[in-house]
N, C-alpha and C. Protein backbone atom coordinates (compact mmCIF):
# COMPACT_ATOMS: atom_id res chain seq x y z
N UNK A 1 0.83 -1.18 0.00
CA UNK A 1 0.00 0.00 0.00
C UNK A 1 0.89 1.26 0.00
N UNK A 2 1.75 1.39 1.01
CA UNK A 2 2.68 2.52 1.04
C UNK A 2 3.98 2.09 0.40
N UNK A 3 4.40 2.88 -0.52
CA UNK A 3 5.69 2.59 -1.14
C UNK A 3 6.80 3.16 -0.27
N UNK A 4 7.98 2.57 -0.32
CA UNK A 4 9.08 3.05 0.51
C UNK A 4 9.46 4.51 0.23
N UNK A 5 9.26 4.96 -0.99
CA UNK A 5 9.59 6.35 -1.32
C UNK A 5 8.70 7.31 -0.53
N UNK A 6 7.43 6.98 -0.42
CA UNK A 6 6.51 7.85 0.32
C UNK A 6 6.82 7.83 1.82
N UNK A 7 7.19 6.68 2.34
CA UNK A 7 7.54 6.59 3.76
C UNK A 7 8.79 7.40 4.05
N UNK A 8 9.78 7.28 3.18
CA UNK A 8 11.01 8.06 3.36
C UNK A 8 10.73 9.56 3.25
N UNK A 9 9.91 9.95 2.28
CA UNK A 9 9.58 11.36 2.11
C UNK A 9 8.83 11.91 3.33
N UNK A 10 7.89 11.13 3.85
CA UNK A 10 7.12 11.57 5.02
C UNK A 10 8.02 11.68 6.24
N UNK A 11 8.90 10.71 6.42
CA UNK A 11 9.82 10.75 7.56
C UNK A 11 10.77 11.93 7.44
N UNK A 12 11.23 12.20 6.24
CA UNK A 12 12.12 13.35 6.03
C UNK A 12 11.40 14.66 6.32
N UNK A 13 10.16 14.76 5.88
CA UNK A 13 9.38 15.96 6.13
C UNK A 13 9.13 16.16 7.62
N UNK A 14 8.81 15.09 8.31
CA UNK A 14 8.58 15.18 9.75
C UNK A 14 9.88 15.57 10.46
N UNK A 15 10.98 14.99 10.04
CA UNK A 15 12.28 15.35 10.63
C UNK A 15 12.62 16.80 10.38
N UNK A 16 12.34 17.29 9.18
CA UNK A 16 12.60 18.69 8.87
C UNK A 16 11.76 19.61 9.73
N UNK A 17 10.51 19.26 9.94
CA UNK A 17 9.63 20.07 10.78
C UNK A 17 10.13 20.08 12.23
N UNK A 18 10.58 18.94 12.72
CA UNK A 18 11.10 18.86 14.10
C UNK A 18 12.35 19.72 14.24
N UNK A 19 13.27 19.62 13.28
CA UNK A 19 14.50 20.40 13.35
C UNK A 19 14.19 21.89 13.24
N UNK A 20 13.29 22.28 12.34
CA UNK A 20 12.92 23.69 12.20
C UNK A 20 12.29 24.21 13.49
N UNK A 21 11.43 23.41 14.10
CA UNK A 21 10.81 23.83 15.37
C UNK A 21 11.84 24.01 16.47
N UNK A 22 12.81 23.08 16.53
CA UNK A 22 13.86 23.19 17.55
C UNK A 22 14.72 24.44 17.31
N UNK A 23 15.04 24.72 16.06
CA UNK A 23 15.83 25.92 15.75
C UNK A 23 15.07 27.20 16.07
N UNK A 24 13.79 27.23 15.77
CA UNK A 24 13.00 28.42 16.10
C UNK A 24 12.90 28.62 17.61
N UNK A 25 12.77 27.52 18.33
CA UNK A 25 12.70 27.64 19.79
C UNK A 25 14.04 28.12 20.36
N UNK A 26 15.13 27.60 19.80
CA UNK A 26 16.46 28.05 20.25
C UNK A 26 16.67 29.52 19.92
N UNK A 27 16.23 29.96 18.75
CA UNK A 27 16.36 31.36 18.35
C UNK A 27 15.57 32.26 19.31
N UNK A 28 14.35 31.84 19.64
CA UNK A 28 13.54 32.63 20.57
C UNK A 28 14.21 32.69 21.95
N UNK A 29 14.80 31.58 22.39
CA UNK A 29 15.51 31.58 23.67
C UNK A 29 16.72 32.49 23.65
N UNK A 30 17.45 32.49 22.53
CA UNK A 30 18.63 33.35 22.40
C UNK A 30 18.22 34.82 22.43
N UNK A 31 17.13 35.14 21.72
CA UNK A 31 16.65 36.53 21.75
C UNK A 31 16.22 36.94 23.15
N UNK A 32 15.57 36.04 23.86
CA UNK A 32 15.16 36.35 25.23
C UNK A 32 16.38 36.56 26.13
N UNK A 33 17.42 35.75 25.93
CA UNK A 33 18.66 35.93 26.69
C UNK A 33 19.27 37.29 26.42
N UNK A 34 19.33 37.70 25.17
CA UNK A 34 19.91 38.99 24.83
C UNK A 34 19.06 40.13 25.39
N UNK A 35 17.74 39.98 25.37
CA UNK A 35 16.86 41.00 25.96
C UNK A 35 17.12 41.14 27.45
N UNK A 36 17.25 40.00 28.12
CA UNK A 36 17.48 40.06 29.57
C UNK A 36 18.86 40.66 29.88
N UNK A 37 19.86 40.39 29.03
CA UNK A 37 21.17 41.01 29.22
C UNK A 37 21.09 42.51 29.05
N UNK A 38 20.34 42.96 28.06
CA UNK A 38 20.20 44.40 27.84
C UNK A 38 19.42 45.07 28.97
N UNK A 39 18.40 44.40 29.47
CA UNK A 39 17.61 44.96 30.57
C UNK A 39 18.42 45.01 31.85
N UNK A 40 19.21 43.99 32.09
CA UNK A 40 19.99 43.93 33.33
C UNK A 40 21.10 44.97 33.33
N UNK A 41 21.71 45.18 32.17
CA UNK A 41 22.83 46.12 32.07
C UNK A 41 22.38 47.37 31.32
N UNK A 42 21.33 47.99 31.79
CA UNK A 42 20.79 49.15 31.11
C UNK A 42 21.49 50.45 31.41
N UNK A 43 22.43 50.43 32.35
CA UNK A 43 23.13 51.67 32.68
C UNK A 43 24.17 51.97 31.61
N UNK A 44 24.34 53.21 31.25
CA UNK A 44 25.37 53.53 30.26
C UNK A 44 26.76 53.27 30.80
N UNK A 45 27.68 52.91 29.94
CA UNK A 45 29.03 52.56 30.36
C UNK A 45 29.79 53.77 30.88
N UNK A 46 29.53 54.94 30.31
CA UNK A 46 30.24 56.16 30.72
C UNK A 46 29.28 57.10 31.43
N UNK A 47 29.29 57.06 32.73
CA UNK A 47 28.45 58.00 33.46
C UNK A 47 29.21 59.26 33.81
N UNK A 48 30.54 59.14 33.97
CA UNK A 48 31.33 60.31 34.29
C UNK A 48 31.80 60.97 33.00
N UNK A 49 32.10 62.23 33.07
CA UNK A 49 32.56 62.95 31.88
C UNK A 49 31.38 63.44 31.05
N UNK A 50 31.70 64.33 30.16
CA UNK A 50 30.63 64.88 29.35
C UNK A 50 30.59 64.18 28.00
N UNK A 51 29.42 64.09 27.40
CA UNK A 51 29.33 63.50 26.08
C UNK A 51 30.01 64.37 25.02
N UNK A 52 30.17 65.65 25.32
CA UNK A 52 30.83 66.55 24.38
C UNK A 52 32.30 66.16 24.21
N UNK A 53 32.95 65.75 25.30
CA UNK A 53 34.34 65.31 25.22
C UNK A 53 34.49 64.07 24.35
N UNK A 54 33.56 63.14 24.49
CA UNK A 54 33.60 61.92 23.67
C UNK A 54 33.38 62.27 22.20
N UNK A 55 32.51 63.22 21.94
CA UNK A 55 32.26 63.63 20.55
C UNK A 55 33.50 64.29 19.95
N UNK A 56 34.20 65.08 20.75
CA UNK A 56 35.43 65.73 20.26
C UNK A 56 36.50 64.69 19.92
N UNK A 57 36.61 63.69 20.77
CA UNK A 57 37.60 62.63 20.52
C UNK A 57 37.23 61.88 19.24
N UNK A 58 35.96 61.60 19.06
CA UNK A 58 35.52 60.89 17.87
C UNK A 58 35.76 61.73 16.61
N UNK A 59 35.50 63.01 16.69
CA UNK A 59 35.73 63.89 15.53
C UNK A 59 37.22 63.96 15.22
N UNK A 60 38.05 64.03 16.24
CA UNK A 60 39.49 64.06 16.01
C UNK A 60 39.96 62.75 15.37
N UNK A 61 39.40 61.64 15.80
CA UNK A 61 39.74 60.35 15.22
C UNK A 61 39.33 60.29 13.75
N UNK A 62 38.15 60.80 13.44
CA UNK A 62 37.68 60.81 12.06
C UNK A 62 38.56 61.71 11.18
N UNK A 63 38.96 62.85 11.72
CA UNK A 63 39.84 63.74 10.96
C UNK A 63 41.18 63.07 10.67
N UNK A 64 41.69 62.34 11.66
CA UNK A 64 42.96 61.63 11.46
C UNK A 64 42.82 60.55 10.40
N UNK A 65 41.70 59.85 10.40
CA UNK A 65 41.47 58.83 9.38
C UNK A 65 41.38 59.45 7.99
N UNK A 66 40.70 60.58 7.90
CA UNK A 66 40.58 61.27 6.60
C UNK A 66 41.95 61.72 6.12
N UNK A 67 42.76 62.24 7.03
CA UNK A 67 44.11 62.68 6.66
C UNK A 67 44.93 61.50 6.12
N UNK A 68 44.84 60.35 6.80
CA UNK A 68 45.57 59.17 6.34
C UNK A 68 45.06 58.70 4.99
N UNK A 69 43.75 58.71 4.78
CA UNK A 69 43.20 58.28 3.50
C UNK A 69 43.61 59.22 2.38
N UNK A 70 43.63 60.52 2.65
CA UNK A 70 44.08 61.47 1.64
C UNK A 70 45.55 61.27 1.31
N UNK A 71 46.36 60.95 2.32
CA UNK A 71 47.78 60.69 2.07
C UNK A 71 47.95 59.43 1.24
N UNK A 72 47.17 58.42 1.50
CA UNK A 72 47.24 57.19 0.70
C UNK A 72 46.81 57.48 -0.73
N UNK A 73 45.76 58.29 -0.90
CA UNK A 73 45.25 58.59 -2.24
C UNK A 73 46.26 59.39 -3.04
N UNK A 74 47.02 60.24 -2.37
CA UNK A 74 48.00 61.04 -3.09
C UNK A 74 49.34 60.33 -3.25
N UNK A 75 49.47 59.15 -2.64
CA UNK A 75 50.68 58.35 -2.81
C UNK A 75 51.77 58.64 -1.82
N UNK A 76 51.48 59.35 -0.76
CA UNK A 76 52.47 59.69 0.26
C UNK A 76 52.48 58.56 1.30
N UNK A 77 53.70 58.11 1.65
CA UNK A 77 53.83 57.10 2.70
C UNK A 77 53.88 57.77 4.05
N UNK A 78 53.13 57.24 5.01
CA UNK A 78 53.13 57.83 6.35
C UNK A 78 54.11 57.11 7.24
């Protein structure tokens, strides 16, 4: 009545559904773990100092990178 091809196909489909369900459950658990990590560590890393100082450092870093890229583009070795 049932041919072996149909039994193998059905078993493969059931196995695929089980594996997909397990992966989705693991993904949901991982997302929940990351959410709980973010909620637990919600305090900013830098509470001292002003954000203006950090912005100045970042701008200086960007200017330095631009200077290096311009030197590379013009063929000057640093």
